[in-house]
PDB file of N, CA and C in Angstrom:
ATOM      1  N   MET A   1    -140.095  86.582 -68.635  1.00  0.00           N
ATOM      2  CA  MET A   1    -138.870  85.840 -68.583  1.00  0.00           C
ATOM      3  C   MET A   1    -138.243  85.818 -69.969  1.00  0.00           C
ATOM      4  N   SER A   2    -137.025  86.338 -70.053  1.00  0.00           N
ATOM      5  CA  SER A   2    -136.279  86.348 -71.310  1.00  0.00           C
ATOM      6  C   SER A   2    -134.819  86.080 -71.011  1.00  0.00           C
ATOM      7  N   PHE A   3    -134.194  85.268 -71.859  1.00  0.00           N
ATOM      8  CA  PHE A   3    -132.786  84.920 -71.704  1.00  0.00           C
ATOM      9  C   PHE A   3    -132.031  85.205 -72.986  1.00  0.00           C
ATOM     10  N   LEU A   4    -130.897  85.867 -72.852  1.00  0.00           N
ATOM     11  CA  LEU A   4    -129.957  86.006 -73.953  1.00  0.00           C
ATOM     12  C   LEU A   4    -128.746  85.161 -73.592  1.00  0.00           C
ATOM     13  N   LYS A   5    -128.500  84.123 -74.391  1.00  0.00           N
ATOM     14  CA  LYS A   5    -127.376  83.223 -74.150  1.00  0.00           C
ATOM     15  C   LYS A   5    -126.380  83.370 -75.298  1.00  0.00           C
ATOM     16  N   VAL A   6    -125.137  83.687 -74.945  1.00  0.00           N
ATOM     17  CA  VAL A   6    -124.094  83.892 -75.943  1.00  0.00           C
ATOM     18  C   VAL A   6    -122.997  82.867 -75.726  1.00  0.00           C
ATOM     19  N   GLU A   7    -122.731  82.085 -76.747  1.00  0.00           N
ATOM     20  CA  GLU A   7    -121.605  81.153 -76.760  1.00  0.00           C
ATOM     21  C   GLU A   7    -120.558  81.780 -77.678  1.00  0.00           C
ATOM     22  N   THR A   8    -119.319  81.899 -77.184  1.00  0.00           N
ATOM     23  CA  THR A   8    -118.290  82.557 -77.987  1.00  0.00           C
ATOM     24  C   THR A   8    -116.912  81.997 -77.683  1.00  0.00           C
ATOM     25  N   ASN A   9    -116.019  82.168 -78.628  1.00  0.00           N
ATOM     26  CA  ASN A   9    -114.625  81.779 -78.415  1.00  0.00           C
ATOM     27  C   ASN A   9    -113.785  82.945 -77.891  1.00  0.00           C
ATOM     28  N   ILE A  10    -114.418  84.072 -77.621  1.00  0.00           N
ATOM     29  CA  ILE A  10    -113.739  85.235 -77.043  1.00  0.00           C
ATOM     30  C   ILE A  10    -113.403  84.920 -75.581  1.00  0.00           C
ATOM     31  N   PRO A  11    -112.204  85.275 -75.109  1.00  0.00           N
ATOM     32  CA  PRO A  11    -111.881  85.066 -73.695  1.00  0.00           C
ATOM     33  C   PRO A  11    -112.787  85.901 -72.781  1.00  0.00           C
ATOM     34  N   LEU A  12    -113.194  85.316 -71.682  1.00  0.00           N
ATOM     35  CA  LEU A  12    -114.049  86.017 -70.731  1.00  0.00           C
ATOM     36  C   LEU A  12    -113.400  87.303 -70.244  1.00  0.00           C
ATOM     37  N   SER A  13    -112.090  87.302 -70.113  1.00  0.00           N
ATOM     38  CA  SER A  13    -111.380  88.492 -69.632  1.00  0.00           C
ATOM     39  C   SER A  13    -111.551  89.691 -70.566  1.00  0.00           C
ATOM     40  N   GLU A  14    -111.960  89.455 -71.802  1.00  0.00           N
ATOM     41  CA  GLU A  14    -112.145  90.539 -72.767  1.00  0.00           C
ATOM     42  C   GLU A  14    -113.593  91.041 -72.830  1.00  0.00           C
ATOM     43  N   ILE A  15    -114.471  90.471 -72.004  1.00  0.00           N
ATOM     44  CA  ILE A  15    -115.881  90.862 -72.028  1.00  0.00           C
ATOM     45  C   ILE A  15    -116.162  91.731 -70.810  1.00  0.00           C
ATOM     46  N   ASN A  16    -116.498  92.970 -71.083  1.00  0.00           N
ATOM     47  CA  ASN A  16    -116.716  93.984 -70.046  1.00  0.00           C
ATOM     48  C   ASN A  16    -118.140  93.898 -69.501  1.00  0.00           C
ATOM     49  N   ASP A  17    -118.323  94.298 -68.249  1.00  0.00           N
ATOM     50  CA  ASP A  17    -119.656  94.323 -67.638  1.00  0.00           C
ATOM     51  C   ASP A  17    -120.634  95.192 -68.416  1.00  0.00           C
ATOM     52  N   SER A  18    -120.132  96.165 -69.139  1.00  0.00           N
ATOM     53  CA  SER A  18    -121.033  97.044 -69.898  1.00  0.00           C
ATOM     54  C   SER A  18    -121.822  96.262 -70.948  1.00  0.00           C
ATOM     55  N   PHE A  19    -121.282  95.134 -71.428  1.00  0.00           N
ATOM     56  CA  PHE A  19    -122.027  94.300 -72.375  1.00  0.00           C
ATOM     57  C   PHE A  19    -123.320  93.802 -71.732  1.00  0.00           C
ATOM     58  N   PHE A  20    -123.231  93.330 -70.499  1.00  0.00           N
ATOM     59  CA  PHE A  20    -124.393  92.786 -69.810  1.00  0.00           C
ATOM     60  C   PHE A  20    -125.425  93.875 -69.530  1.00  0.00           C
ATOM     61  N   ILE A  21    -124.955  95.021 -69.103  1.00  0.00           N
ATOM     62  CA  ILE A  21    -125.853  96.140 -68.786  1.00  0.00           C
ATOM     63  C   ILE A  21    -126.546  96.640 -70.049  1.00  0.00           C
ATOM     64  N   GLU A  22    -125.771  96.863 -71.095  1.00  0.00           N
ATOM     65  CA  GLU A  22    -126.346  97.384 -72.340  1.00  0.00           C
ATOM     66  C   GLU A  22    -127.276  96.361 -72.993  1.00  0.00           C
ATOM     67  N   SER A  23    -126.914  95.082 -72.936  1.00  0.00           N
ATOM     68  CA  SER A  23    -127.780  94.028 -73.492  1.00  0.00           C
ATOM     69  C   SER A  23    -129.124  94.002 -72.782  1.00  0.00           C
ATOM     70  N   THR A  24    -129.082  94.089 -71.466  1.00  0.00           N
ATOM     71  CA  THR A  24    -130.315  94.088 -70.682  1.00  0.00           C
ATOM     72  C   THR A  24    -131.193  95.277 -71.061  1.00  0.00           C
ATOM     73  N   ASP A  25    -130.602  96.453 -71.154  1.00  0.00           N
ATOM     74  CA  ASP A  25    -131.361  97.654 -71.498  1.00  0.00           C
ATOM     75  C   ASP A  25    -131.972  97.554 -72.893  1.00  0.00           C
ATOM     76  N   ILE A  26    -131.184  97.093 -73.846  1.00  0.00           N
ATOM     77  CA  ILE A  26    -131.672  96.978 -75.223  1.00  0.00           C
ATOM     78  C   ILE A  26    -132.798  95.958 -75.324  1.00  0.00           C
ATOM     79  N   LEU A  27    -132.620  94.806 -74.680  1.00  0.00           N
ATOM     80  CA  LEU A  27    -133.659  93.784 -74.756  1.00  0.00           C
ATOM     81  C   LEU A  27    -134.926  94.198 -74.022  1.00  0.00           C
ATOM     82  N   ALA A  28    -134.785  94.927 -72.937  1.00  0.00           N
ATOM     83  CA  ALA A  28    -135.976  95.435 -72.250  1.00  0.00           C
ATOM     84  C   ALA A  28    -136.805  96.295 -73.212  1.00  0.00           C
ATOM     85  N   LYS A  29    -136.123  97.068 -74.024  1.00  0.00           N
ATOM     86  CA  LYS A  29    -136.825  97.918 -74.996  1.00  0.00           C
ATOM     87  C   LYS A  29    -137.425  97.099 -76.134  1.00  0.00           C
ATOM     88  N   THR A  30    -136.617  96.236 -76.762  1.00  0.00           N
ATOM     89  CA  THR A  30    -137.129  95.507 -77.931  1.00  0.00           C
ATOM     90  C   THR A  30    -138.161  94.452 -77.554  1.00  0.00           C
ATOM     91  N   LEU A  31    -138.071  93.898 -76.339  1.00  0.00           N
ATOM     92  CA  LEU A  31    -139.040  92.902 -75.888  1.00  0.00           C
ATOM     93  C   LEU A  31    -140.218  93.530 -75.147  1.00  0.00           C
ATOM     94  N   ASN A  32    -140.111  94.837 -74.876  1.00  0.00           N
ATOM     95  CA  ASN A  32    -141.141  95.551 -74.116  1.00  0.00           C
ATOM     96  C   ASN A  32    -141.349  94.902 -72.748  1.00  0.00           C
ATOM     97  N   LYS A  33    -140.231  94.711 -72.036  1.00  0.00           N
ATOM     98  CA  LYS A  33    -140.245  94.091 -70.711  1.00  0.00           C
ATOM     99  C   LYS A  33    -139.418  94.938 -69.751  1.00  0.00           C
ATOM    100  N   SER A  34    -139.606  94.677 -68.489  1.00  0.00           N
ATOM    101  CA  SER A  34    -138.791  95.317 -67.459  1.00  0.00           C
ATOM    102  C   SER A  34    -137.394  94.689 -67.462  1.00  0.00           C
ATOM    103  N   PRO A  35    -136.352  95.457 -67.187  1.00  0.00           N
ATOM    104  CA  PRO A  35    -135.009  94.860 -67.086  1.00  0.00           C
ATOM    105  C   PRO A  35    -134.946  93.715 -66.070  1.00  0.00           C
ATOM    106  N   SER A  36    -135.805  93.731 -65.067  1.00  0.00           N
ATOM    107  CA  SER A  36    -135.806  92.655 -64.074  1.00  0.00           C
ATOM    108  C   SER A  36    -136.286  91.327 -64.651  1.00  0.00           C
ATOM    109  N   GLU A  37    -136.860  91.348 -65.856  1.00  0.00           N
ATOM    110  CA  GLU A  37    -137.333  90.132 -66.510  1.00  0.00           C
ATOM    111  C   GLU A  37    -136.323  89.587 -67.522  1.00  0.00           C
ATOM    112  N   ILE A  38    -135.156  90.218 -67.630  1.00  0.00           N
ATOM    113  CA  ILE A  38    -134.146  89.857 -68.626  1.00  0.00           C
ATOM    114  C   ILE A  38    -132.940  89.229 -67.936  1.00  0.00           C
ATOM    115  N   SER A  39    -132.471  88.110 -68.463  1.00  0.00           N
ATOM    116  CA  SER A  39    -131.223  87.486 -68.003  1.00  0.00           C
ATOM    117  C   SER A  39    -130.280  87.388 -69.191  1.00  0.00           C
ATOM    118  N   VAL A  40    -129.016  87.739 -68.949  1.00  0.00           N
ATOM    119  CA  VAL A  40    -127.997  87.679 -70.000  1.00  0.00           C
ATOM    120  C   VAL A  40    -126.823  86.899 -69.456  1.00  0.00           C
ATOM    121  N   PHE A  41    -126.368  85.910 -70.221  1.00  0.00           N
ATOM    122  CA  PHE A  41    -125.142  85.234 -69.816  1.00  0.00           C
ATOM    123  C   PHE A  41    -124.306  84.872 -71.020  1.00  0.00           C
ATOM    124  N   VAL A  42    -123.005  84.807 -70.762  1.00  0.00           N
ATOM    125  CA  VAL A  42    -122.038  84.524 -71.812  1.00  0.00           C
ATOM    126  C   VAL A  42    -121.221  83.308 -71.399  1.00  0.00           C
ATOM    127  N   ASN A  43    -121.145  82.362 -72.278  1.00  0.00           N
ATOM    128  CA  ASN A  43    -120.281  81.204 -72.100  1.00  0.00           C
ATOM    129  C   ASN A  43    -119.081  81.451 -73.014  1.00  0.00           C
ATOM    130  N   ALA A  44    -118.021  82.016 -72.423  1.00  0.00           N
ATOM    131  CA  ALA A  44    -116.851  82.439 -73.195  1.00  0.00           C
ATOM    132  C   ALA A  44    -115.800  81.329 -73.248  1.00  0.00           C
ATOM    133  N   ASP A  45    -114.730  81.608 -73.975  1.00  0.00           N
ATOM    134  CA  ASP A  45    -113.593  80.688 -74.083  1.00  0.00           C
ATOM    135  C   ASP A  45    -113.971  79.324 -74.669  1.00  0.00           C
ATOM    136  N   GLN A  46    -114.990  79.294 -75.518  1.00  0.00           N
ATOM    137  CA  GLN A  46    -115.447  78.021 -76.076  1.00  0.00           C
ATOM    138  C   GLN A  46    -114.686  77.674 -77.349  1.00  0.00           C
ATOM    139  N   PRO A  47    -114.232  76.424 -77.469  1.00  0.00           N
ATOM    140  CA  PRO A  47    -113.658  76.011 -78.741  1.00  0.00           C
ATOM    141  C   PRO A  47    -114.763  76.075 -79.800  1.00  0.00           C
ATOM    142  N   MET A  48    -114.487  76.723 -80.914  1.00  0.00           N
ATOM    143  CA  MET A  48    -115.552  76.975 -81.869  1.00  0.00           C
ATOM    144  C   MET A  48    -114.991  77.145 -83.274  1.00  0.00           C
ATOM    145  N   ILE A  49    -115.674  76.533 -84.212  1.00  0.00           N
ATOM    146  CA  ILE A  49    -115.425  76.805 -85.630  1.00  0.00           C
ATOM    147  C   ILE A  49    -116.728  77.340 -86.195  1.00  0.00           C
ATOM    148  N   PHE A  50    -116.656  78.459 -86.849  1.00  0.00           N
ATOM    149  CA  PHE A  50    -117.823  79.120 -87.433  1.00  0.00           C
ATOM    150  C   PHE A  50    -117.460  79.406 -88.880  1.00  0.00           C
ATOM    151  N   GLY A  51    -118.182  78.828 -89.814  1.00  0.00           N
ATOM    152  CA  GLY A  51    -117.894  79.045 -91.226  1.00  0.00           C
ATOM    153  C   GLY A  51    -116.512  78.562 -91.636  1.00  0.00           C
ATOM    154  N   GLY A  52    -116.031  77.510 -90.968  1.00  0.00           N
ATOM    155  CA  GLY A  52    -114.741  76.933 -91.316  1.00  0.00           C
ATOM    156  C   GLY A  52    -113.541  77.652 -90.732  1.00  0.00           C
ATOM    157  N   SER A  53    -113.766  78.620 -89.836  1.00  0.00           N
ATOM    158  CA  SER A  53    -112.679  79.407 -89.271  1.00  0.00           C
ATOM    159  C   SER A  53    -112.800  79.479 -87.751  1.00  0.00           C
ATOM    160  N   GLN A  54    -111.665  79.608 -87.095  1.00  0.00           N
ATOM    161  CA  GLN A  54    -111.642  79.776 -85.646  1.00  0.00           C
ATOM    162  C   GLN A  54    -111.506  81.249 -85.241  1.00  0.00           C
ATOM    163  N   GLU A  55    -111.695  82.163 -86.168  1.00  0.00           N
ATOM    164  CA  GLU A  55    -111.700  83.593 -85.858  1.00  0.00           C
ATOM    165  C   GLU A  55    -112.825  83.880 -84.858  1.00  0.00           C
ATOM    166  N   PRO A  56    -112.775  85.037 -84.175  1.00  0.00           N
ATOM    167  CA  PRO A  56    -113.823  85.354 -83.204  1.00  0.00           C
ATOM    168  C   PRO A  56    -115.227  85.181 -83.792  1.00  0.00           C
ATOM    169  N   ALA A  57    -116.087  84.518 -83.010  1.00  0.00           N
ATOM    170  CA  ALA A  57    -117.450  84.226 -83.451  1.00  0.00           C
ATOM    171  C   ALA A  57    -118.361  84.160 -82.237  1.00  0.00           C
ATOM    172  N   ALA A  58    -119.661  84.225 -82.505  1.00  0.00           N
ATOM    173  CA  ALA A  58    -120.652  84.115 -81.437  1.00  0.00           C
ATOM    174  C   ALA A  58    -121.896  83.418 -81.969  1.00  0.00           C
ATOM    175  N   ILE A  59    -122.378  82.461 -81.183  1.00  0.00           N
ATOM    176  CA  ILE A  59    -123.650  81.807 -81.454  1.00  0.00           C
ATOM    177  C   ILE A  59    -124.569  82.219 -80.313  1.00  0.00           C
ATOM    178  N   VAL A  60    -125.699  82.813 -80.661  1.00  0.00           N
ATOM    179  CA  VAL A  60    -126.556  83.479 -79.690  1.00  0.00           C
ATOM    180  C   VAL A  60    -127.969  82.900 -79.766  1.00  0.00           C
ATOM    181  N   VAL A  61    -128.596  82.772 -78.599  1.00  0.00           N
ATOM    182  CA  VAL A  61    -129.993  82.356 -78.527  1.00  0.00           C
ATOM    183  C   VAL A  61    -130.743  83.370 -77.664  1.00  0.00           C
ATOM    184  N   LEU A  62    -131.833  83.884 -78.206  1.00  0.00           N
ATOM    185  CA  LEU A  62    -132.736  84.739 -77.434  1.00  0.00           C
ATOM    186  C   LEU A  62    -134.023  83.951 -77.238  1.00  0.00           C
ATOM    187  N   GLN A  63    -134.324  83.632 -75.985  1.00  0.00           N
ATOM    188  CA  GLN A  63    -135.550  82.919 -75.625  1.00  0.00           C
ATOM    189  C   GLN A  63    -136.413  83.851 -74.804  1.00  0.00           C
ATOM    190  N   SER A  64    -137.720  83.820 -75.059  1.00  0.00           N
ATOM    191  CA  SER A  64    -138.588  84.718 -74.314  1.00  0.00           C
ATOM    192  C   SER A  64    -140.023  84.219 -74.301  1.00  0.00           C
ATOM    193  N   VAL A  65    -140.689  84.451 -73.174  1.00  0.00           N
ATOM    194  CA  VAL A  65    -142.136  84.311 -73.101  1.00  0.00           C
ATOM    195  C   VAL A  65    -142.671  85.657 -73.577  1.00  0.00           C
ATOM    196  N   GLY A  66    -143.165  85.692 -74.787  1.00  0.00           N
ATOM    197  CA  GLY A  66    -143.631  86.932 -75.394  1.00  0.00           C
ATOM    198  C   GLY A  66    -142.485  87.698 -76.038  1.00  0.00           C
ATOM    199  N   GLY A  67    -142.809  88.469 -77.045  1.00  0.00           N
ATOM    200  CA  GLY A  67    -141.831  89.343 -77.688  1.00  0.00           C
ATOM    201  C   GLY A  67    -141.067  88.728 -78.838  1.00  0.00           C
ATOM    202  N   ILE A  68    -141.290  87.449 -79.115  1.00  0.00           N
ATOM    203  CA  ILE A  68    -140.601  86.783 -80.232  1.00  0.00           C
ATOM    204  C   ILE A  68    -141.622  86.571 -81.348  1.00  0.00           C
ATOM    205  N   SER A  69    -141.361  87.188 -82.490  1.00  0.00           N
ATOM    206  CA  SER A  69    -142.227  87.059 -83.668  1.00  0.00           C
ATOM    207  C   SER A  69    -141.414  87.493 -84.882  1.00  0.00           C
ATOM    208  N   PRO A  70    -141.865  87.161 -86.078  1.00  0.00           N
ATOM    209  CA  PRO A  70    -141.106  87.586 -87.260  1.00  0.00           C
ATOM    210  C   PRO A  70    -140.827  89.092 -87.295  1.00  0.00           C
ATOM    211  N   ASN A  71    -141.805  89.913 -86.978  1.00  0.00           N
ATOM    212  CA  ASN A  71    -141.585  91.371 -86.995  1.00  0.00           C
ATOM    213  C   ASN A  71    -140.679  91.814 -85.857  1.00  0.00           C
ATOM    214  N   ASN A  72    -140.911  91.309 -84.648  1.00  0.00           N
ATOM    215  CA  ASN A  72    -140.083  91.689 -83.507  1.00  0.00           C
ATOM    216  C   ASN A  72    -138.640  91.233 -83.682  1.00  0.00           C
ATOM    217  N   ASN A  73    -138.440  90.070 -84.285  1.00  0.00           N
ATOM    218  CA  ASN A  73    -137.089  89.543 -84.445  1.00  0.00           C
ATOM    219  C   ASN A  73    -136.224  90.439 -85.331  1.00  0.00           C
ATOM    220  N   LYS A  74    -136.838  91.148 -86.248  1.00  0.00           N
ATOM    221  CA  LYS A  74    -136.092  92.122 -87.057  1.00  0.00           C
ATOM    222  C   LYS A  74    -135.514  93.211 -86.166  1.00  0.00           C
ATOM    223  N   ASN A  75    -136.308  93.671 -85.200  1.00  0.00           N
ATOM    224  CA  ASN A  75    -135.833  94.701 -84.259  1.00  0.00           C
ATOM    225  C   ASN A  75    -134.756  94.145 -83.330  1.00  0.00           C
ATOM    226  N   HIS A  76    -134.950  92.912 -82.849  1.00  0.00           N
ATOM    227  CA  HIS A  76    -133.939  92.294 -81.989  1.00  0.00           C
ATOM    228  C   HIS A  76    -132.611  92.170 -82.749  1.00  0.00           C
ATOM    229  N   SER A  77    -132.694  91.705 -83.992  1.00  0.00           N
ATOM    230  CA  SER A  77    -131.475  91.557 -84.811  1.00  0.00           C
ATOM    231  C   SER A  77    -130.786  92.901 -85.018  1.00  0.00           C
ATOM    232  N   ALA A  78    -131.573  93.901 -85.372  1.00  0.00           N
ATOM    233  CA  ALA A  78    -131.004  95.232 -85.633  1.00  0.00           C
ATOM    234  C   ALA A  78    -130.298  95.783 -84.397  1.00  0.00           C
ATOM    235  N   ALA A  79    -130.773  95.433 -83.218  1.00  0.00           N
ATOM    236  CA  ALA A  79    -130.158  95.920 -81.981  1.00  0.00           C
ATOM    237  C   ALA A  79    -129.008  95.038 -81.523  1.00  0.00           C
ATOM    238  N   LEU A  80    -129.157  93.724 -81.647  1.00  0.00           N
ATOM    239  CA  LEU A  80    -128.168  92.802 -81.072  1.00  0.00           C
ATOM    240  C   LEU A  80    -126.905  92.637 -81.902  1.00  0.00           C
ATOM    241  N   PHE A  81    -127.014  92.569 -83.219  1.00  0.00           N
ATOM    242  CA  PHE A  81    -125.811  92.355 -84.031  1.00  0.00           C
ATOM    243  C   PHE A  81    -124.751  93.427 -83.789  1.00  0.00           C
ATOM    244  N   PRO A  82    -125.101  94.730 -83.864  1.00  0.00           N
ATOM    245  CA  PRO A  82    -124.065  95.738 -83.612  1.00  0.00           C
ATOM    246  C   PRO A  82    -123.578  95.741 -82.161  1.00  0.00           C
ATOM    247  N   LEU A  83    -124.451  95.438 -81.223  1.00  0.00           N
ATOM    248  CA  LEU A  83    -124.063  95.401 -79.815  1.00  0.00           C
ATOM    249  C   LEU A  83    -123.034  94.301 -79.557  1.00  0.00           C
ATOM    250  N   ILE A  84    -123.308  93.114 -80.058  1.00  0.00           N
ATOM    251  CA  ILE A  84    -122.380  91.991 -79.878  1.00  0.00           C
ATOM    252  C   ILE A  84    -121.066  92.269 -80.594  1.00  0.00           C
ATOM    253  N   SER A  85    -121.158  92.808 -81.784  1.00  0.00           N
ATOM    254  CA  SER A  85    -119.948  93.139 -82.538  1.00  0.00           C
ATOM    255  C   SER A  85    -119.093  94.153 -81.791  1.00  0.00           C
ATOM    256  N   LYS A  86    -119.725  95.172 -81.250  1.00  0.00           N
ATOM    257  CA  LYS A  86    -119.020  96.238 -80.524  1.00  0.00           C
ATOM    258  C   LYS A  86    -118.332  95.706 -79.267  1.00  0.00           C
ATOM    259  N   HIS A  87    -119.047  94.974 -78.448  1.00  0.00           N
ATOM    260  CA  HIS A  87    -118.519  94.555 -77.148  1.00  0.00           C
ATOM    261  C   HIS A  87    -117.633  93.321 -77.210  1.00  0.00           C
ATOM    262  N   LEU A  88    -117.950  92.388 -78.104  1.00  0.00           N
ATOM    263  CA  LEU A  88    -117.172  91.151 -78.173  1.00  0.00           C
ATOM    264  C   LEU A  88    -116.122  91.189 -79.282  1.00  0.00           C
ATOM    265  N   LYS A  89    -116.143  92.265 -80.068  1.00  0.00           N
ATOM    266  CA  LYS A  89    -115.184  92.419 -81.173  1.00  0.00           C
ATOM    267  C   LYS A  89    -115.300  91.269 -82.182  1.00  0.00           C
ATOM    268  N   VAL A  90    -116.559  90.913 -82.472  1.00  0.00           N
ATOM    269  CA  VAL A  90    -116.868  89.860 -83.435  1.00  0.00           C
ATOM    270  C   VAL A  90    -117.532  90.524 -84.636  1.00  0.00           C
ATOM    271  N   GLN A  91    -117.057  90.219 -85.831  1.00  0.00           N
ATOM    272  CA  GLN A  91    -117.683  90.769 -87.025  1.00  0.00           C
ATOM    273  C   GLN A  91    -119.117  90.250 -87.135  1.00  0.00           C
ATOM    274  N   GLU A  92    -120.010  91.103 -87.595  1.00  0.00           N
ATOM    275  CA  GLU A  92    -121.419  90.724 -87.669  1.00  0.00           C
ATOM    276  C   GLU A  92    -121.664  89.490 -88.524  1.00  0.00           C
ATOM    277  N   ASN A  93    -120.842  89.261 -89.542  1.00  0.00           N
ATOM    278  CA  ASN A  93    -121.029  88.072 -90.375  1.00  0.00           C
ATOM    279  C   ASN A  93    -120.527  86.795 -89.692  1.00  0.00           C
ATOM    280  N   ARG A  94    -120.037  86.926 -88.442  1.00  0.00           N
ATOM    281  CA  ARG A  94    -119.587  85.768 -87.659  1.00  0.00           C
ATOM    282  C   ARG A  94    -120.436  85.604 -86.395  1.00  0.00           C
ATOM    283  N   ILE A  95    -121.646  86.155 -86.465  1.00  0.00           N
ATOM    284  CA  ILE A  95    -122.620  86.044 -85.382  1.00  0.00           C
ATOM    285  C   ILE A  95    -123.869  85.382 -85.951  1.00  0.00           C
ATOM    286  N   SER A  96    -124.406  84.431 -85.206  1.00  0.00           N
ATOM    287  CA  SER A  96    -125.660  83.788 -85.579  1.00  0.00           C
ATOM    288  C   SER A  96    -126.596  83.868 -84.381  1.00  0.00           C
ATOM    289  N   ILE A  97    -127.839  84.294 -84.620  1.00  0.00           N
ATOM    290  CA  ILE A  97    -128.814  84.415 -83.538  1.00  0.00           C
ATOM    291  C   ILE A  97    -130.031  83.556 -83.854  1.00  0.00           C
ATOM    292  N   ALA A  98    -130.442  82.740 -82.879  1.00  0.00           N
ATOM    293  CA  ALA A  98    -131.686  81.971 -82.972  1.00  0.00           C
ATOM    294  C   ALA A  98    -132.685  82.587 -82.003  1.00  0.00           C
ATOM    295  N   PHE A  99    -133.912  82.737 -82.460  1.00  0.00           N
ATOM    296  CA  PHE A  99    -134.980  83.296 -81.638  1.00  0.00           C
ATOM    297  C   PHE A  99    -135.950  82.172 -81.282  1.00  0.00           C
ATOM    298  N   ASN A 100    -136.175  81.991 -79.987  1.00  0.00           N
ATOM    299  CA  ASN A 100    -137.062  80.923 -79.527  1.00  0.00           C
ATOM    300  C   ASN A 100    -138.184  81.496 -78.672  1.00  0.00           C
ATOM    301  N   ALA A 101    -139.405  81.339 -79.166  1.00  0.00           N
ATOM    302  CA  ALA A 101    -140.575  81.738 -78.379  1.00  0.00           C
ATOM    303  C   ALA A 101    -140.858  80.627 -77.374  1.00  0.00           C
ATOM    304  N   VAL A 102    -141.049  81.002 -76.126  1.00  0.00           N
ATOM    305  CA  VAL A 102    -141.328  80.048 -75.056  1.00  0.00           C
ATOM    306  C   VAL A 102    -142.782  80.231 -74.633  1.00  0.00           C
ATOM    307  N   GLU A 103    -143.528  79.144 -74.627  1.00  0.00           N
ATOM    308  CA  GLU A 103    -144.922  79.201 -74.185  1.00  0.00           C
ATOM    309  C   GLU A 103    -144.965  79.362 -72.666  1.00  0.00           C
ATOM    310  N   PRO A 104    -145.918  80.112 -72.148  1.00  0.00           N
ATOM    311  CA  PRO A 104    -145.981  80.352 -70.699  1.00  0.00           C
ATOM    312  C   PRO A 104    -146.025  79.080 -69.853  1.00  0.00           C
ATOM    313  N   HIS A 105    -146.630  78.021 -70.382  1.00  0.00           N
ATOM    314  CA  HIS A 105    -146.691  76.769 -69.619  1.00  0.00           C
ATOM    315  C   HIS A 105    -145.363  76.005 -69.661  1.00  0.00           C
ATOM    316  N   ASP A 106    -144.429  76.435 -70.511  1.00  0.00           N
ATOM    317  CA  ASP A 106    -143.124  75.787 -70.627  1.00  0.00           C
ATOM    318  C   ASP A 106    -142.026  76.525 -69.873  1.00  0.00           C
ATOM    319  N   ALA A 107    -142.387  77.502 -69.054  1.00  0.00           N
ATOM    320  CA  ALA A 107    -141.395  78.281 -68.308  1.00  0.00           C
ATOM    321  C   ALA A 107    -141.893  78.507 -66.884  1.00  0.00           C
ATOM    322  N   GLY A 108    -140.954  78.532 -65.959  1.00  0.00           N
ATOM    323  CA  GLY A 108    -141.341  78.721 -64.573  1.00  0.00           C
ATOM    324  C   GLY A 108    -140.428  79.679 -63.845  1.00  0.00           C
ATOM    325  N   VAL A 109    -140.959  80.232 -62.759  1.00  0.00           N
ATOM    326  CA  VAL A 109    -140.217  81.099 -61.869  1.00  0.00           C
ATOM    327  C   VAL A 109    -140.878  81.010 -60.489  1.00  0.00           C
ATOM    328  N   ASN A 110    -140.071  81.063 -59.459  1.00  0.00           N
ATOM    329  CA  ASN A 110    -140.585  81.010 -58.086  1.00  0.00           C
ATOM    330  C   ASN A 110    -141.458  79.787 -57.823  1.00  0.00           C
ATOM    331  N   GLY A 111    -141.080  78.652 -58.405  1.00  0.00           N
ATOM    332  CA  GLY A 111    -141.801  77.402 -58.157  1.00  0.00           C
ATOM    333  C   GLY A 111    -143.113  77.246 -58.905  1.00  0.00           C
ATOM    334  N   LYS A 112    -143.404  78.141 -59.845  1.00  0.00           N
ATOM    335  CA  LYS A 112    -144.651  78.073 -60.614  1.00  0.00           C
ATOM    336  C   LYS A 112    -144.355  78.302 -62.084  1.00  0.00           C
ATOM    337  N   THR A 113    -145.251  77.827 -62.936  1.00  0.00           N
ATOM    338  CA  THR A 113    -145.160  78.180 -64.345  1.00  0.00           C
ATOM    339  C   THR A 113    -145.787  79.556 -64.528  1.00  0.00           C
ATOM    340  N   PHE A 114    -145.621  80.127 -65.703  1.00  0.00           N
ATOM    341  CA  PHE A 114    -146.135  81.466 -65.944  1.00  0.00           C
ATOM    342  C   PHE A 114    -147.656  81.509 -66.102  1.00  0.00           C
ATOM    343  N   ILE A 115    -148.307  80.350 -66.185  1.00  0.00           N
ATOM    344  CA  ILE A 115    -149.757  80.362 -66.296  1.00  0.00           C
ATOM    345  C   ILE A 115    -150.442  80.006 -64.979  1.00  0.00           C
ATOM    346  N   GLN A 116    -149.684  79.750 -63.917  1.00  0.00           N
ATOM    347  CA  GLN A 116    -150.295  79.428 -62.625  1.00  0.00           C
ATOM    348  C   GLN A 116    -150.654  80.700 -61.895  1.00  0.00           C
TER     349      GLN A 116
END
């Protein structure tokens, strides 16, 4: 189970489906997971100030059971910053990504936690 959550002030109408497809493919590779284990969603049209400016920006959270570590996060960053910049037209210096490791007992699917 892995989630990429993007909060942005970019209008939803400007975000193409290819962002979701490419994000899923990239994260499947960097997290070493099946694409069926990846969820990507964008909360667009958000009022946002980033670094004192209302220019296009994105605040991103990658949460995952497994695949989050100091070394892995370097690979996630290297893949995600250019991808978000390309698809959302946000300069890389206006993107912030938080990486959250989720313990298996703190996540569930199909009515069970990941350790059941």
